[in-house]
Amino acid sequence: MKLLELTEFLVKSLVSEPDMVSVKEFDDEDLVTIVVMVAKKDMGKVIGRQGKIIKAIRTLVSASSYMNNLPKVKIEINEF
């Protein structure tokens, strides 16, 4: 599974409005940046208490990147 698809699947599974989720990928030579856009009311569901949910998402995507010999991943979350 590609990193973009994995991130999109994980985020859409958490939110109440999955149609409002937008995930984009920006590649550099040694870093992949994934930008996730969610509705304002779903921001708390994605971040979680003390950032535990987003930290878990970042860990899963980073592990997938490492296992597939891909560059490091950075995930950013923004709201509409």
N, C-alpha and C. Protein backbone atom coordinates (compact mmCIF):
# COMPACT_ATOMS: atom_id res chain seq x y z
N MET A 1 0.86 -1.18 0.00
CA MET A 1 0.00 0.00 0.00
C MET A 1 0.90 1.23 0.00
N LYS A 2 0.55 2.19 -0.81
CA LYS A 2 1.33 3.43 -0.87
C LYS A 2 1.08 4.27 0.38
N LEU A 3 2.03 5.13 0.67
CA LEU A 3 1.95 5.95 1.88
C LEU A 3 0.74 6.88 1.85
N LEU A 4 0.46 7.46 0.70
CA LEU A 4 -0.67 8.36 0.57
C LEU A 4 -1.98 7.62 0.83
N GLU A 5 -2.13 6.43 0.24
CA GLU A 5 -3.34 5.65 0.43
C GLU A 5 -3.50 5.18 1.87
N LEU A 6 -2.39 4.79 2.49
CA LEU A 6 -2.43 4.37 3.89
C LEU A 6 -2.87 5.50 4.79
N THR A 7 -2.29 6.67 4.60
CA THR A 7 -2.65 7.84 5.41
C THR A 7 -4.11 8.20 5.21
N GLU A 8 -4.56 8.22 3.97
CA GLU A 8 -5.95 8.56 3.68
C GLU A 8 -6.90 7.56 4.32
N PHE A 9 -6.59 6.28 4.24
CA PHE A 9 -7.44 5.25 4.85
C PHE A 9 -7.53 5.43 6.36
N LEU A 10 -6.40 5.66 7.00
CA LEU A 10 -6.39 5.83 8.45
C LEU A 10 -7.19 7.05 8.89
N VAL A 11 -7.00 8.16 8.21
CA VAL A 11 -7.70 9.40 8.60
C VAL A 11 -9.19 9.29 8.32
N LYS A 12 -9.56 8.76 7.15
CA LYS A 12 -10.99 8.63 6.82
C LYS A 12 -11.71 7.68 7.77
N SER A 13 -11.00 6.73 8.32
CA SER A 13 -11.60 5.80 9.28
C SER A 13 -11.94 6.48 10.60
N LEU A 14 -11.30 7.58 10.89
CA LEU A 14 -11.49 8.26 12.17
C LEU A 14 -12.56 9.35 12.15
N VAL A 15 -12.72 10.04 11.04
CA VAL A 15 -13.53 11.25 11.01
C VAL A 15 -15.00 10.94 10.76
N SER A 16 -15.85 11.93 11.09
CA SER A 16 -17.29 11.77 10.86
C SER A 16 -17.69 12.22 9.45
N GLU A 17 -16.84 13.01 8.79
CA GLU A 17 -17.10 13.44 7.42
C GLU A 17 -15.93 13.02 6.51
N PRO A 18 -15.90 11.74 6.10
CA PRO A 18 -14.77 11.27 5.29
C PRO A 18 -14.70 11.91 3.91
N ASP A 19 -15.81 12.44 3.41
CA ASP A 19 -15.81 13.10 2.11
C ASP A 19 -15.04 14.42 2.14
N MET A 20 -14.88 15.00 3.31
CA MET A 20 -14.17 16.27 3.46
C MET A 20 -12.66 16.11 3.61
N VAL A 21 -12.18 14.88 3.64
CA VAL A 21 -10.75 14.62 3.83
C VAL A 21 -10.03 14.75 2.49
N SER A 22 -8.95 15.50 2.50
CA SER A 22 -8.10 15.67 1.32
C SER A 22 -6.66 15.37 1.73
N VAL A 23 -6.00 14.49 0.97
CA VAL A 23 -4.63 14.10 1.28
C VAL A 23 -3.77 14.33 0.05
N LYS A 24 -2.69 15.09 0.21
CA LYS A 24 -1.78 15.37 -0.89
C LYS A 24 -0.36 15.03 -0.48
N GLU A 25 0.44 14.64 -1.46
CA GLU A 25 1.81 14.22 -1.22
C GLU A 25 2.77 15.11 -1.99
N PHE A 26 3.83 15.54 -1.32
CA PHE A 26 4.88 16.34 -1.94
C PHE A 26 6.21 15.62 -1.73
N ASP A 27 6.91 15.34 -2.83
CA ASP A 27 8.16 14.59 -2.77
C ASP A 27 9.37 15.49 -2.90
N ASP A 28 10.36 15.23 -2.07
CA ASP A 28 11.70 15.77 -2.20
C ASP A 28 12.62 14.56 -2.38
N GLU A 29 13.89 14.80 -2.47
CA GLU A 29 14.82 13.69 -2.64
C GLU A 29 14.86 12.78 -1.42
N ASP A 30 14.92 13.34 -0.23
CA ASP A 30 15.07 12.53 0.97
C ASP A 30 13.93 12.70 1.97
N LEU A 31 12.81 13.31 1.55
CA LEU A 31 11.67 13.52 2.45
C LEU A 31 10.38 13.56 1.66
N VAL A 32 9.37 12.86 2.16
CA VAL A 32 8.02 12.90 1.59
C VAL A 32 7.14 13.62 2.60
N THR A 33 6.48 14.68 2.16
CA THR A 33 5.57 15.43 3.02
C THR A 33 4.15 15.11 2.60
N ILE A 34 3.34 14.65 3.55
CA ILE A 34 1.93 14.35 3.30
C ILE A 34 1.12 15.37 4.06
N VAL A 35 0.28 16.11 3.32
CA VAL A 35 -0.56 17.15 3.92
C VAL A 35 -1.99 16.62 3.95
N VAL A 36 -2.58 16.59 5.14
CA VAL A 36 -3.94 16.09 5.34
C VAL A 36 -4.83 17.27 5.69
N MET A 37 -5.92 17.44 4.96
CA MET A 37 -6.90 18.49 5.23
C MET A 37 -8.18 17.81 5.72
N VAL A 38 -8.67 18.24 6.89
CA VAL A 38 -9.91 17.69 7.45
C VAL A 38 -10.83 18.84 7.84
N ALA A 39 -12.11 18.51 8.05
CA ALA A 39 -13.07 19.51 8.51
C ALA A 39 -12.69 19.96 9.92
N LYS A 40 -13.07 21.19 10.25
CA LYS A 40 -12.69 21.77 11.54
C LYS A 40 -13.19 20.93 12.71
N LYS A 41 -14.40 20.40 12.59
CA LYS A 41 -14.96 19.64 13.71
C LYS A 41 -14.32 18.25 13.86
N ASP A 42 -13.62 17.78 12.84
CA ASP A 42 -12.95 16.49 12.92
C ASP A 42 -11.49 16.60 13.35
N MET A 43 -11.00 17.79 13.53
CA MET A 43 -9.60 17.99 13.87
C MET A 43 -9.23 17.29 15.18
N GLY A 44 -10.09 17.38 16.18
CA GLY A 44 -9.83 16.75 17.46
C GLY A 44 -9.79 15.24 17.38
N LYS A 45 -10.61 14.66 16.50
CA LYS A 45 -10.62 13.21 16.34
C LYS A 45 -9.33 12.71 15.73
N VAL A 46 -8.75 13.49 14.84
CA VAL A 46 -7.52 13.08 14.17
C VAL A 46 -6.32 13.28 15.09
N ILE A 47 -6.32 14.37 15.85
CA ILE A 47 -5.19 14.65 16.74
C ILE A 47 -5.25 13.77 17.99
N GLY A 48 -6.42 13.64 18.60
CA GLY A 48 -6.56 12.84 19.81
C GLY A 48 -6.05 13.57 21.04
N ARG A 49 -6.28 12.99 22.18
CA ARG A 49 -5.83 13.60 23.42
C ARG A 49 -4.32 13.57 23.50
N GLN A 50 -3.76 14.72 23.74
CA GLN A 50 -2.30 14.91 23.83
C GLN A 50 -1.58 14.43 22.57
N GLY A 51 -2.30 14.41 21.43
CA GLY A 51 -1.68 14.06 20.16
C GLY A 51 -1.41 12.58 19.96
N LYS A 52 -2.06 11.72 20.73
CA LYS A 52 -1.77 10.30 20.65
C LYS A 52 -2.21 9.67 19.32
N ILE A 53 -3.34 10.09 18.77
CA ILE A 53 -3.84 9.50 17.52
C ILE A 53 -2.92 9.87 16.36
N ILE A 54 -2.60 11.15 16.21
CA ILE A 54 -1.74 11.56 15.10
C ILE A 54 -0.35 10.97 15.25
N LYS A 55 0.10 10.81 16.47
CA LYS A 55 1.41 10.18 16.71
C LYS A 55 1.39 8.73 16.24
N ALA A 56 0.29 8.03 16.49
CA ALA A 56 0.15 6.64 16.05
C ALA A 56 0.09 6.55 14.52
N ILE A 57 -0.62 7.49 13.89
CA ILE A 57 -0.68 7.52 12.43
C ILE A 57 0.71 7.76 11.86
N ARG A 58 1.42 8.70 12.42
CA ARG A 58 2.78 8.99 11.95
C ARG A 58 3.69 7.77 12.12
N THR A 59 3.54 7.05 13.21
CA THR A 59 4.35 5.86 13.45
C THR A 59 4.05 4.78 12.42
N LEU A 60 2.77 4.54 12.14
CA LEU A 60 2.40 3.52 11.16
C LEU A 60 2.91 3.86 9.76
N VAL A 61 2.74 5.11 9.35
CA VAL A 61 3.18 5.52 8.02
C VAL A 61 4.70 5.49 7.93
N SER A 62 5.38 5.92 8.97
CA SER A 62 6.84 5.88 8.97
C SER A 62 7.36 4.45 8.92
N ALA A 63 6.71 3.54 9.64
CA ALA A 63 7.11 2.14 9.62
C ALA A 63 6.91 1.54 8.23
N SER A 64 5.80 1.89 7.59
CA SER A 64 5.55 1.42 6.23
C SER A 64 6.60 1.96 5.27
N SER A 65 6.97 3.20 5.44
CA SER A 65 8.01 3.81 4.61
C SER A 65 9.34 3.09 4.80
N TYR A 66 9.69 2.81 6.04
CA TYR A 66 10.94 2.13 6.34
C TYR A 66 10.96 0.71 5.77
N MET A 67 9.85 -0.01 5.92
CA MET A 67 9.78 -1.39 5.45
C MET A 67 9.87 -1.49 3.93
N ASN A 68 9.46 -0.44 3.22
CA ASN A 68 9.47 -0.43 1.76
C ASN A 68 10.66 0.35 1.19
N ASN A 69 11.65 0.66 2.04
CA ASN A 69 12.85 1.39 1.62
C ASN A 69 12.53 2.70 0.91
N LEU A 70 11.58 3.44 1.46
CA LEU A 70 11.19 4.74 0.94
C LEU A 70 11.81 5.83 1.81
N PRO A 71 11.82 7.08 1.31
CA PRO A 71 12.38 8.16 2.13
C PRO A 71 11.54 8.43 3.39
N LYS A 72 12.09 9.23 4.29
CA LYS A 72 11.37 9.58 5.52
C LYS A 72 10.09 10.34 5.19
N VAL A 73 9.14 10.26 6.11
CA VAL A 73 7.82 10.84 5.90
C VAL A 73 7.54 11.88 6.97
N LYS A 74 6.93 12.98 6.55
CA LYS A 74 6.46 14.03 7.46
C LYS A 74 4.98 14.22 7.18
N ILE A 75 4.15 14.20 8.21
CA ILE A 75 2.70 14.37 8.04
C ILE A 75 2.28 15.66 8.70
N GLU A 76 1.58 16.49 7.94
CA GLU A 76 1.04 17.75 8.46
C GLU A 76 -0.48 17.68 8.39
N ILE A 77 -1.15 18.27 9.38
CA ILE A 77 -2.62 18.28 9.40
C ILE A 77 -3.08 19.73 9.41
N ASN A 78 -4.03 20.03 8.53
CA ASN A 78 -4.65 21.36 8.46
C ASN A 78 -6.16 21.19 8.42
N GLU A 79 -6.87 22.26 8.70
CA GLU A 79 -8.33 22.21 8.65
C GLU A 79 -8.85 23.11 7.55
N PHE A 80 -10.04 22.76 7.06
CA PHE A 80 -10.70 23.57 6.04
C PHE A 80 -11.28 24.81 6.66
